[in-house]
Structure formats: C-alpha cells, structure tokens
Amino acid sequence: MSVQVETLDGSKAKLTIEVPAEEFVAAMQQAYTKNKSKFNLQGFRKGHAPQAIIEKMYGPAVFYEDAANILIPDAYAKAYEEAGVEIVSRPEIDVTQIEKGKPFIFTATVATKPVVTLGDYKGVEVYKGDVAVSDDEITAELSKKQEENSRLITVERPIQTGDIAVIDFEGFVDGVAFNGGKGTDYELGIGTHSFIDTFEDQLIGASTGDNVEVNVTFPEEYGEASLAGKPALFKVTVKNVKVKELPELDDEFASEISDFETLDEYKEDLKKIIAERKEKQAESAKQNQAVDKAVANATMEIADLMIADEADRMVDEMAQNMQQQGISMEMYLRYTGMTQEQLTEQTKPRATERIKSRLVLEAIANAENIEANDDDVNKEIERMASTYKMEVETVKNYLGESGAENIKKDLRLQKAAEFLAANAVEVEKPAEEKAE
C-alpha cells in the first residue's frame, strides 16, 4: 500500500491511497463469499454459483462496492498512521480507481490541525467581578430554602392564581383525541403558563369536582406540525385544589434545616456560602474573558470538516444529557420543529468557538511550557470519585489509559486558562454595562 499526501488550502489535506491489485482481488473474493447466497443461477444450487460465473453474468462490478468497503477501513487506518500530518476530522472518501486486475485507489480528504499564530495574550483587560453579597441575595436564598421546605395543603375553595390544580384532562382537535393530549392527576401551577394559550386562566374559579371545557389554540410554531395553529378543546376534571404553605422564617426553621440555632447565625453562614459561590463565578468569568481576548487576538484557519465533526460531537453530547433527563432527541426535534441537520447547522458557530478556544489554549500552554502531571490527574480522579460516590480504583479502571490521558490534556488547558486570568489586568466595568 502507498500513500501520497497533498496539502490543501484551509487546513486540509488529501491522502491518495493505493492498494495493490492482489489485495483488491482478495477483497473481491471476500465480497463473493459474503453475497453468494443471494445469487440463484440456472444450473447451480442457490448460493453455489462460482464467482467467475457470477461475474460473467453480471460483470465484476457486482462485487466492487462490498470489496471497497472491506478494504477502505484498514487501508485508511494505515494511511492515517503513515501520513505524517495531524488529522483532526473524519475523512471524506472518494474512490478514483476500482477495476479488477488493477490497484484500488481512493482519496481521503481530511482536516489537519490548524497552525495558530498567537497575538497578545498576557495583560489583556478583563472586568472585575462583583463578589459583594447583598441583603437581597440572602433574602432570595432564604426564599429558595422556604420553597424547598414547603408543603402542599388541600383547600376547599375555587381555584386562584398561584394554586396547584390537580386535574385529569383530554384534548381534542376537530372532535378527535390526539396523541399526547391526555393526563391523569396532573399537578398544574396556575399562573406558571406551562400550558398553551389561556388554558390555566380558564380554570380560575373552578372547584373540586367541576368539569370544565377549556378552549385554546395551538401556536403556529408548535413543534407537532399536525397541531400547529389549530383550535383544541380540552375536557378537564378538577380533582383537587392545593396551595403551597411556606414555613415561617424564624429560629425554629433555621435549627431544623441547618446546624445553627438561630436565624441570624444561619444568615451569616448563607452569606459566606454566597460569597464563595460568587468568587468562583467571578474567577470563571475572568478566565472566560481572558480566553476570549486571547482567541480574538490570535489567527488560525479552521477547516469546515473539523467544524462539522465538532458540531456532531456537541449534538451527541446534547442528546446524552437530554436522555439522562428522560427526553429523547426525537422528542426534542419534534417539539422544536427542527431537523437533525438544522440542529447540527445551528450548533456550528458554537463548535467553531470551542475549537478556537482549545487551539489557542494549547498554543499558549506550548509557549509557556505549561504541563499537567500525574499528581494533577490523580487529584482530578479523586474528585470525580468523590462526586460520583465511587472508589478511586473503580474510576481509574473505567477511564483506562486513554481516559487518564484525556484528563491530563484537559487539565493542561485549564492551567493555561488560569495562567491567562492570573496575567490579566482587571478594570472596572462601564456603568452602562453594570446597569444591564
């Protein structure tokens, strides 16, 4: 096998890969073995016609596609190792010669790692973070704790805004029930606008045991095309009316949900927690600003193939995250009215920014001799084990050598971001931006 590498504009390369004729003949034989049971020729039992007879009847090209599919993966894998360029995308394959008795030749167009030219990255200006804790923030945190420790109590009165209505419902369009339009014992927050149109408003004033007909119209941009823009009737039965009862903000409340005896002590502790959180957020914002400035000052040329691959990865990550929440990608696409291709295309700008950030941080780590060592990796694995409540050795076994190496690379980039933030110059945010 031979490989020729042609450098293309836009951080791309074309690999021309030639596989010897005898290897193509062997692949043709494998293709015959795979497919011979599909051929039924007169004078032969089905699946027993010789390869030469099949090729004479249908032409050798009958096995070309399968033979190519047999050869390409291994041939490309070898070419990938021999090419001498850093490939950062899946290949675009194009067969240029396929004929029995001749070498099999195909090309693989790939993205190569872009050359990054760094601009100014030390001493860039970033805004100072606001880490002061206000009384309003403490009050908001206390309100959240009240909500978390609230309870629902049943009331015997008509539904009001702010209530929780426990309902059964079924929806009809043109007199026919539609899929997904039925629910039982559904707890609907009145005033949350979680249901379409004026659904919730039409329940105000109804009482337990009432049957209510709710008339609404689906939005024109509704994700389910068969319902978009159509009027619907929902038959609703009110099964219960509940209100949320919040605990009193007093010393008893503080002692029940914390290790403190008084509300004032608990407030002081909340103030410390909020301050720590804001400091972390401010440091993260500082790093992000510094990285953005370094990226803006750098130049590089990124191949569209690399961007497409990164966008696909991001969509896969999104699908995995949604799956953990019980939402399938099919469901998400249906409700957003997008196709998979549209979602991927919409993701490409963010994919481009992610690639740029990673490349610039790698370049800065190289320029500043920033490295992550085995101790850094072990500390990160210990943190992961603690987060997921797993044994450290279990996490190490799960990650393997490649996973540990990826962690080391990520930590190196994180150290580069920390370096940028440490060398940035903090300035006050303009008043007009503070107001936003």
Protein backbone atom coordinates (compact mmCIF):
# COMPACT_ATOMS: atom_id res chain seq x y z
CA MET A 1 0.00 0.00 0.00
CA SER A 2 1.25 3.51 -0.77
CA VAL A 3 0.14 6.92 0.49
CA GLN A 4 0.64 10.32 -1.12
CA VAL A 5 -0.21 13.45 0.86
CA GLU A 6 -1.24 16.70 -0.80
CA THR A 7 -1.57 19.80 1.38
CA LEU A 8 -4.69 21.80 0.56
CA ASP A 9 -5.71 25.34 1.46
CA GLY A 10 -7.83 25.88 4.56
CA SER A 11 -6.03 23.46 6.89
CA LYS A 12 -6.91 20.40 4.81
CA ALA A 13 -5.01 17.56 3.17
CA LYS A 14 -5.82 14.94 0.56
CA LEU A 15 -4.44 11.45 1.06
CA THR A 16 -4.24 9.34 -2.11
CA ILE A 17 -4.16 5.71 -1.02
CA GLU A 18 -3.25 2.91 -3.41
CA VAL A 19 -3.97 -0.72 -2.50
CA PRO A 20 -2.19 -3.43 -4.58
CA ALA A 21 -4.26 -5.26 -7.21
CA GLU A 22 -3.85 -8.63 -5.46
CA GLU A 23 -5.36 -7.22 -2.25
CA PHE A 24 -8.32 -5.93 -4.25
CA VAL A 25 -8.76 -9.40 -5.79
CA ALA A 26 -8.76 -10.91 -2.28
CA ALA A 27 -11.39 -8.37 -1.20
CA MET A 28 -13.48 -9.32 -4.25
CA GLN A 29 -13.32 -12.95 -3.08
CA GLN A 30 -14.49 -11.90 0.40
CA ALA A 31 -17.32 -9.92 -1.20
CA TYR A 32 -18.28 -13.02 -3.21
CA THR A 33 -18.31 -15.18 -0.05
CA LYS A 34 -20.49 -12.62 1.70
CA ASN A 35 -23.02 -12.31 -1.13
CA LYS A 36 -23.04 -15.67 -2.98
CA SER A 37 -26.17 -16.87 -1.17
CA LYS A 38 -28.12 -14.07 -2.85
CA PHE A 39 -27.50 -15.40 -6.37
CA ASN A 40 -29.73 -18.05 -7.97
CA LEU A 41 -28.29 -19.06 -11.36
CA GLN A 42 -29.67 -21.78 -13.58
CA GLY A 43 -27.66 -25.00 -13.30
CA PHE A 44 -26.40 -24.23 -9.78
CA ARG A 45 -27.94 -24.60 -6.36
CA LYS A 46 -28.72 -21.23 -4.83
CA GLY A 47 -25.57 -19.83 -3.25
CA HIS A 48 -23.25 -22.29 -5.05
CA ALA A 49 -22.59 -20.47 -8.32
CA PRO A 50 -18.81 -19.88 -8.78
CA GLN A 51 -17.51 -16.32 -8.54
CA ALA A 52 -16.32 -16.38 -12.18
CA ILE A 53 -19.78 -17.39 -13.45
CA ILE A 54 -21.49 -14.63 -11.41
CA GLU A 55 -19.01 -12.04 -12.68
CA LYS A 56 -19.51 -13.23 -16.27
CA MET A 57 -23.28 -12.96 -15.87
CA TYR A 58 -23.44 -9.64 -14.03
CA GLY A 59 -19.98 -8.14 -14.54
CA PRO A 60 -17.16 -7.86 -11.95
CA ALA A 61 -18.65 -4.57 -10.71
CA VAL A 62 -21.30 -6.59 -8.88
CA PHE A 63 -18.76 -7.07 -6.06
CA TYR A 64 -16.96 -3.70 -6.28
CA GLU A 65 -18.90 -1.83 -3.58
CA ASP A 66 -18.52 -4.53 -0.94
CA ALA A 67 -14.86 -5.07 -1.87
CA ALA A 68 -14.22 -1.33 -1.45
CA ASN A 69 -16.00 -1.31 1.91
CA ILE A 70 -13.81 -4.24 3.01
CA LEU A 71 -10.56 -2.51 2.01
CA ILE A 72 -11.11 1.14 2.93
CA PRO A 73 -11.23 0.98 6.79
CA ASP A 74 -7.90 -0.84 7.22
CA ALA A 75 -6.22 0.98 4.35
CA TYR A 76 -7.27 4.37 5.72
CA ALA A 77 -6.17 3.40 9.26
CA LYS A 78 -2.68 2.57 7.95
CA ALA A 79 -2.59 5.75 5.87
CA TYR A 80 -3.61 7.77 8.94
CA GLU A 81 -0.51 6.48 10.75
CA GLU A 82 1.84 6.96 7.79
CA ALA A 83 0.58 10.33 6.52
CA GLY A 84 2.83 12.45 8.73
CA VAL A 85 0.12 15.08 9.30
CA GLU A 86 -2.09 15.62 12.35
CA ILE A 87 -5.60 14.69 11.21
CA VAL A 88 -8.47 16.23 13.19
CA SER A 89 -11.60 15.09 11.33
CA ARG A 90 -13.29 12.11 9.79
CA PRO A 91 -12.30 11.57 6.16
CA GLU A 92 -14.31 12.34 3.06
CA ILE A 93 -13.73 9.27 0.88
CA ASP A 94 -13.72 9.30 -2.92
CA VAL A 95 -12.90 6.18 -4.97
CA THR A 96 -10.83 7.15 -8.03
CA GLN A 97 -9.92 3.72 -9.46
CA ILE A 98 -11.77 0.45 -8.99
CA GLU A 99 -11.26 -2.27 -11.57
CA LYS A 100 -10.44 -5.95 -11.26
CA GLY A 101 -6.78 -6.61 -12.02
CA LYS A 102 -5.71 -3.05 -11.19
CA PRO A 103 -4.69 -1.36 -7.94
CA PHE A 104 -7.61 0.00 -5.91
CA ILE A 105 -7.14 3.77 -5.45
CA PHE A 106 -9.14 6.13 -3.29
CA THR A 107 -8.65 9.56 -1.73
CA ALA A 108 -9.40 10.72 1.80
CA THR A 109 -9.84 14.46 2.28
CA VAL A 110 -9.29 15.42 5.91
CA ALA A 111 -8.93 18.44 8.15
CA THR A 112 -5.48 18.96 9.58
CA LYS A 113 -4.68 20.67 12.84
CA PRO A 114 -4.58 24.42 12.14
CA VAL A 115 -1.45 26.46 12.74
CA VAL A 116 -2.21 29.04 15.44
CA THR A 117 -0.46 32.40 15.41
CA LEU A 118 -0.81 33.93 18.86
CA GLY A 119 -1.35 37.64 19.36
CA ASP A 120 -1.32 39.42 22.71
CA TYR A 121 -2.48 37.09 25.48
CA LYS A 122 -0.72 38.41 28.58
CA GLY A 123 -2.00 41.59 30.16
CA VAL A 124 -5.38 41.57 28.41
CA GLU A 125 -8.09 43.61 30.14
CA VAL A 126 -10.94 41.86 31.94
CA TYR A 127 -13.76 43.24 34.08
CA LYS A 128 -13.61 42.99 37.86
CA GLY A 129 -16.16 40.61 39.24
CA ASP A 130 -18.75 41.74 41.79
CA VAL A 131 -18.27 39.50 44.83
CA ALA A 132 -20.11 41.60 47.41
CA VAL A 133 -23.15 39.89 48.92
CA SER A 134 -26.31 42.00 49.18
CA ASP A 135 -29.20 41.60 51.60
CA ASP A 136 -31.45 40.87 48.62
CA GLU A 137 -29.28 37.87 47.69
CA ILE A 138 -29.52 36.49 51.22
CA THR A 139 -33.29 37.02 51.17
CA ALA A 140 -33.54 35.23 47.81
CA GLU A 141 -31.55 32.29 49.18
CA LEU A 142 -33.81 32.12 52.22
CA SER A 143 -36.88 32.19 49.96
CA LYS A 144 -35.43 29.28 48.00
CA LYS A 145 -34.97 27.33 51.23
CA GLN A 146 -38.56 28.11 52.17
CA GLU A 147 -39.73 26.77 48.81
CA GLU A 148 -37.64 23.62 49.23
CA ASN A 149 -39.21 23.00 52.64
CA SER A 150 -42.78 23.97 51.74
CA ARG A 151 -45.75 21.61 51.76
CA LEU A 152 -48.93 21.41 49.76
CA ILE A 153 -52.21 21.55 51.62
CA THR A 154 -55.67 20.92 50.18
CA VAL A 155 -58.16 23.80 50.27
CA GLU A 156 -61.93 23.76 49.74
CA ARG A 157 -62.40 26.85 47.60
CA PRO A 158 -62.37 27.85 43.92
CA ILE A 159 -59.04 27.90 42.06
CA GLN A 160 -56.99 31.12 42.29
CA THR A 161 -53.76 32.25 40.63
CA GLY A 162 -50.83 30.67 42.46
CA ASP A 163 -52.74 27.49 43.35
CA ILE A 164 -51.85 23.96 42.31
CA ALA A 165 -54.78 22.36 40.49
CA VAL A 166 -54.76 18.55 40.37
CA ILE A 167 -56.55 17.68 37.12
CA ASP A 168 -57.42 14.95 34.64
CA PHE A 169 -57.61 16.19 31.06
CA GLU A 170 -58.01 15.05 27.49
CA GLY A 171 -57.54 17.17 24.37
CA PHE A 172 -59.49 17.03 21.10
CA VAL A 173 -58.89 18.62 17.69
CA ASP A 174 -61.83 18.55 15.28
CA GLY A 175 -63.58 16.29 17.77
CA VAL A 176 -60.82 13.65 17.72
CA ALA A 177 -58.50 12.94 20.67
CA PHE A 178 -54.83 13.47 19.75
CA ASN A 179 -51.68 11.71 20.93
CA GLY A 180 -50.06 13.26 24.00
CA GLY A 181 -53.16 15.24 24.88
CA LYS A 182 -54.23 13.18 27.88
CA GLY A 183 -53.13 13.37 31.52
CA THR A 184 -54.20 11.98 34.89
CA ASP A 185 -53.60 13.50 38.33
CA TYR A 186 -51.55 16.26 36.72
CA GLU A 187 -50.44 19.00 39.15
CA LEU A 188 -50.76 22.27 37.23
CA GLY A 189 -49.41 25.50 38.68
CA ILE A 190 -51.97 28.19 37.92
CA GLY A 191 -50.14 31.25 36.59
CA THR A 192 -46.99 29.38 35.55
CA HIS A 193 -48.06 29.49 31.87
CA SER A 194 -46.69 25.98 31.41
CA PHE A 195 -49.75 25.02 29.33
CA ILE A 196 -50.60 26.60 25.98
CA ASP A 197 -52.61 29.75 25.40
CA THR A 198 -55.13 30.63 28.17
CA PHE A 199 -55.54 27.06 29.47
CA GLU A 200 -54.72 27.93 33.09
CA ASP A 201 -56.77 31.14 33.12
CA GLN A 202 -59.90 29.21 32.17
CA LEU A 203 -59.59 27.04 35.29
CA ILE A 204 -59.69 30.01 37.68
CA GLY A 205 -62.94 29.91 39.66
CA ALA A 206 -63.48 26.16 39.21
CA SER A 207 -63.76 23.96 42.30
CA THR A 208 -63.02 20.35 43.20
CA GLY A 209 -65.29 18.01 41.24
CA ASP A 210 -66.06 20.51 38.47
CA ASN A 211 -65.83 19.52 34.81
CA VAL A 212 -64.51 22.36 32.68
CA GLU A 213 -64.26 22.70 28.90
CA VAL A 214 -61.15 24.65 28.01
CA ASN A 215 -60.81 26.12 24.51
CA VAL A 216 -57.33 27.03 23.30
CA THR A 217 -55.38 27.43 20.05
CA PHE A 218 -52.00 25.82 19.47
CA PRO A 219 -49.23 28.26 18.44
CA GLU A 220 -48.40 28.48 14.74
CA GLU A 221 -44.82 27.45 15.53
CA TYR A 222 -45.85 24.48 17.70
CA GLY A 223 -43.41 21.57 17.43
CA GLU A 224 -46.03 18.99 16.43
CA ALA A 225 -46.92 20.04 12.88
CA SER A 226 -50.31 18.26 12.92
CA LEU A 227 -51.44 20.51 15.81
CA ALA A 228 -49.74 23.81 14.91
CA GLY A 229 -52.20 26.71 14.66
CA LYS A 230 -55.25 24.54 15.33
CA PRO A 231 -58.03 25.19 17.88
CA ALA A 232 -58.43 22.49 20.51
CA LEU A 233 -60.94 21.56 23.20
CA PHE A 234 -59.72 20.11 26.47
CA LYS A 235 -62.14 18.33 28.78
CA VAL A 236 -60.85 18.89 32.29
CA THR A 237 -61.89 17.42 35.63
CA VAL A 238 -60.71 19.28 38.74
CA LYS A 239 -59.77 16.63 41.29
CA ASN A 240 -58.18 18.79 43.95
CA VAL A 241 -57.08 22.33 44.74
CA LYS A 242 -53.87 22.82 46.70
CA VAL A 243 -51.83 25.75 47.94
CA LYS A 244 -48.20 25.89 48.87
CA GLU A 245 -47.60 26.58 52.56
CA LEU A 246 -44.21 28.11 53.37
CA PRO A 247 -42.55 27.68 56.77
CA GLU A 248 -42.03 30.76 58.92
CA LEU A 249 -38.59 32.36 58.75
CA ASP A 250 -37.58 32.06 62.38
CA ASP A 251 -35.06 30.40 64.70
CA GLU A 252 -37.02 27.12 64.66
CA PHE A 253 -36.85 26.99 60.86
CA ALA A 254 -33.08 27.69 60.93
CA SER A 255 -32.45 24.94 63.50
CA GLU A 256 -34.48 22.41 61.52
CA ILE A 257 -32.66 22.85 58.21
CA SER A 258 -29.14 23.71 59.40
CA ASP A 259 -26.62 23.19 62.20
CA PHE A 260 -27.37 26.66 63.60
CA GLU A 261 -29.68 27.55 66.45
CA THR A 262 -30.75 31.00 65.31
CA LEU A 263 -31.86 32.56 62.05
CA ASP A 264 -29.17 35.25 62.32
CA GLU A 265 -26.43 32.62 62.56
CA TYR A 266 -27.90 30.81 59.57
CA LYS A 267 -27.99 34.07 57.57
CA GLU A 268 -24.29 34.64 58.29
CA ASP A 269 -23.49 31.15 57.04
CA LEU A 270 -25.56 31.74 53.90
CA LYS A 271 -23.65 34.97 53.34
CA LYS A 272 -20.34 33.04 53.39
CA ILE A 273 -21.71 30.38 51.02
CA ILE A 274 -23.00 33.01 48.57
CA ALA A 275 -19.67 34.88 48.75
CA GLU A 276 -17.71 31.71 47.93
CA ARG A 277 -20.04 30.97 45.03
CA LYS A 278 -19.72 34.50 43.64
CA GLU A 279 -15.93 34.37 43.94
CA LYS A 280 -15.87 31.14 41.91
CA GLN A 281 -18.22 32.65 39.36
CA ALA A 282 -16.09 35.80 39.15
CA GLU A 283 -12.92 33.75 38.64
CA SER A 284 -14.63 31.66 35.96
CA ALA A 285 -15.87 34.83 34.22
CA LYS A 286 -12.37 36.31 34.41
CA GLN A 287 -10.91 33.21 32.77
CA ASN A 288 -13.56 33.21 30.05
CA GLN A 289 -12.94 36.87 29.26
CA ALA A 290 -9.18 36.35 29.16
CA VAL A 291 -9.55 33.33 26.85
CA ASP A 292 -11.96 35.25 24.59
CA LYS A 293 -9.47 38.11 24.31
CA ALA A 294 -6.60 35.71 23.53
CA VAL A 295 -8.73 33.98 20.88
CA ALA A 296 -9.71 37.33 19.32
CA ASN A 297 -6.04 38.31 19.11
CA ALA A 298 -4.95 35.01 17.52
CA THR A 299 -5.23 33.92 13.89
CA MET A 300 -5.92 30.44 12.52
CA GLU A 301 -7.72 28.79 9.62
CA ILE A 302 -10.16 26.03 10.59
CA ALA A 303 -11.40 23.53 8.02
CA ASP A 304 -15.13 23.08 7.59
CA LEU A 305 -14.63 19.32 8.11
CA MET A 306 -13.24 19.96 11.60
CA ILE A 307 -16.17 22.24 12.46
CA ALA A 308 -18.69 19.68 11.19
CA ASP A 309 -17.13 16.94 13.33
CA GLU A 310 -17.16 19.15 16.43
CA ALA A 311 -20.80 20.12 15.83
CA ASP A 312 -21.72 16.42 15.55
CA ARG A 313 -19.94 15.74 18.85
CA MET A 314 -21.78 18.60 20.56
CA VAL A 315 -25.15 17.36 19.31
CA ASP A 316 -24.27 13.86 20.60
CA GLU A 317 -23.38 15.36 24.00
CA MET A 318 -26.68 17.24 23.99
CA ALA A 319 -28.57 14.02 23.19
CA GLN A 320 -26.84 12.17 26.05
CA ASN A 321 -27.64 14.96 28.52
CA MET A 322 -31.29 15.04 27.44
CA GLN A 323 -31.52 11.25 27.67
CA GLN A 324 -30.48 11.47 31.32
CA GLN A 325 -33.48 13.75 31.84
CA GLY A 326 -35.80 11.34 30.06
CA ILE A 327 -36.02 13.37 26.84
CA SER A 328 -35.17 11.71 23.54
CA MET A 329 -33.60 13.60 20.64
CA GLU A 330 -36.60 12.63 18.51
CA MET A 331 -38.92 14.26 21.05
CA TYR A 332 -36.77 17.40 21.25
CA LEU A 333 -36.69 17.78 17.46
CA ARG A 334 -40.44 17.28 17.23
CA TYR A 335 -41.20 19.99 19.78
CA THR A 336 -38.68 22.46 18.38
CA GLY A 337 -39.76 21.82 14.80
CA MET A 338 -36.14 21.29 13.70
CA THR A 339 -34.47 18.53 11.74
CA GLN A 340 -31.24 16.85 12.88
CA GLU A 341 -29.43 18.66 10.06
CA GLN A 342 -30.81 22.05 11.15
CA LEU A 343 -29.76 21.44 14.75
CA THR A 344 -26.24 20.50 13.65
CA GLU A 345 -26.02 23.58 11.43
CA GLN A 346 -27.25 25.79 14.29
CA THR A 347 -24.52 24.31 16.52
CA LYS A 348 -21.64 25.10 14.15
CA PRO A 349 -20.91 28.67 15.42
CA ARG A 350 -20.52 27.37 18.99
CA ALA A 351 -18.46 24.45 17.68
CA THR A 352 -16.16 26.93 15.95
CA GLU A 353 -15.68 28.92 19.15
CA ARG A 354 -14.95 25.76 21.13
CA ILE A 355 -12.32 24.67 18.61
CA LYS A 356 -10.68 28.13 18.62
CA SER A 357 -10.53 28.24 22.42
CA ARG A 358 -8.97 24.78 22.62
CA LEU A 359 -6.39 25.52 19.92
CA VAL A 360 -5.37 28.85 21.45
CA LEU A 361 -5.06 27.36 24.94
CA GLU A 362 -2.91 24.54 23.52
CA ALA A 363 -0.70 27.09 21.78
CA ILE A 364 -0.34 29.13 24.99
CA ALA A 365 0.47 26.00 27.00
CA ASN A 366 3.20 25.21 24.46
CA ALA A 367 4.55 28.75 24.51
CA GLU A 368 4.62 28.94 28.32
CA ASN A 369 5.72 25.32 28.96
CA ILE A 370 2.53 24.62 30.93
CA GLU A 371 2.01 20.96 31.74
CA ALA A 372 -0.27 18.79 33.86
CA ASN A 373 1.42 15.93 35.71
CA ASP A 374 0.30 12.57 37.11
CA ASP A 375 -0.39 14.13 40.52
CA ASP A 376 -2.82 16.57 38.90
CA VAL A 377 -4.55 13.67 37.16
CA ASN A 378 -4.80 11.65 40.37
CA LYS A 379 -6.34 14.61 42.24
CA GLU A 380 -8.91 15.04 39.48
CA ILE A 381 -9.77 11.33 39.56
CA GLU A 382 -10.17 11.54 43.35
CA ARG A 383 -12.51 14.50 42.87
CA MET A 384 -14.53 12.56 40.31
CA ALA A 385 -14.72 9.53 42.61
CA SER A 386 -16.00 11.72 45.44
CA THR A 387 -18.57 13.42 43.18
CA TYR A 388 -19.97 10.14 41.86
CA LYS A 389 -19.52 8.29 45.18
CA MET A 390 -17.27 5.66 43.62
CA GLU A 391 -13.99 4.03 44.61
CA VAL A 392 -10.91 5.73 43.13
CA GLU A 393 -9.67 2.46 41.60
CA THR A 394 -13.06 1.87 40.00
CA VAL A 395 -12.88 5.27 38.30
CA LYS A 396 -9.30 4.59 37.16
CA ASN A 397 -10.29 1.23 35.67
CA TYR A 398 -13.27 2.81 33.96
CA LEU A 399 -11.15 5.59 32.44
CA GLY A 400 -8.24 3.43 31.36
CA GLU A 401 -5.01 4.89 29.98
CA SER A 402 -6.72 6.85 27.19
CA GLY A 403 -9.23 8.39 29.61
CA ALA A 404 -6.47 9.40 32.02
CA GLU A 405 -4.53 10.93 29.11
CA ASN A 406 -7.59 12.95 28.06
CA ILE A 407 -7.92 14.24 31.63
CA LYS A 408 -4.28 15.31 31.53
CA LYS A 409 -4.88 17.22 28.29
CA ASP A 410 -7.98 18.93 29.73
CA LEU A 411 -6.12 19.89 32.91
CA ARG A 412 -3.31 21.36 30.81
CA LEU A 413 -5.81 23.58 29.03
CA GLN A 414 -7.38 24.55 32.35
CA LYS A 415 -3.97 25.56 33.66
CA ALA A 416 -3.43 27.66 30.55
CA ALA A 417 -6.77 29.42 31.19
CA GLU A 418 -5.75 30.03 34.81
CA PHE A 419 -2.44 31.44 33.55
CA LEU A 420 -4.29 33.89 31.30
CA ALA A 421 -6.54 35.01 34.16
CA ALA A 422 -3.58 35.42 36.53
CA ASN A 423 -1.82 37.62 33.97
CA ALA A 424 -4.88 39.66 33.01
CA VAL A 425 -5.46 43.28 34.08
CA GLU A 426 -8.71 43.88 35.94
CA VAL A 427 -10.65 47.02 35.07
CA GLU A 428 -13.98 48.40 36.23
CA LYS A 429 -16.99 47.52 34.11
CA PRO A 430 -18.51 50.60 32.44
CA ALA A 431 -21.57 51.98 34.23
CA GLU A 432 -23.89 51.30 31.27
CA GLU A 433 -22.88 47.60 31.27
CA LYS A 434 -23.33 47.36 35.04
CA ALA A 435 -26.89 48.62 34.59
CA GLU A 436 -27.62 45.75 32.20
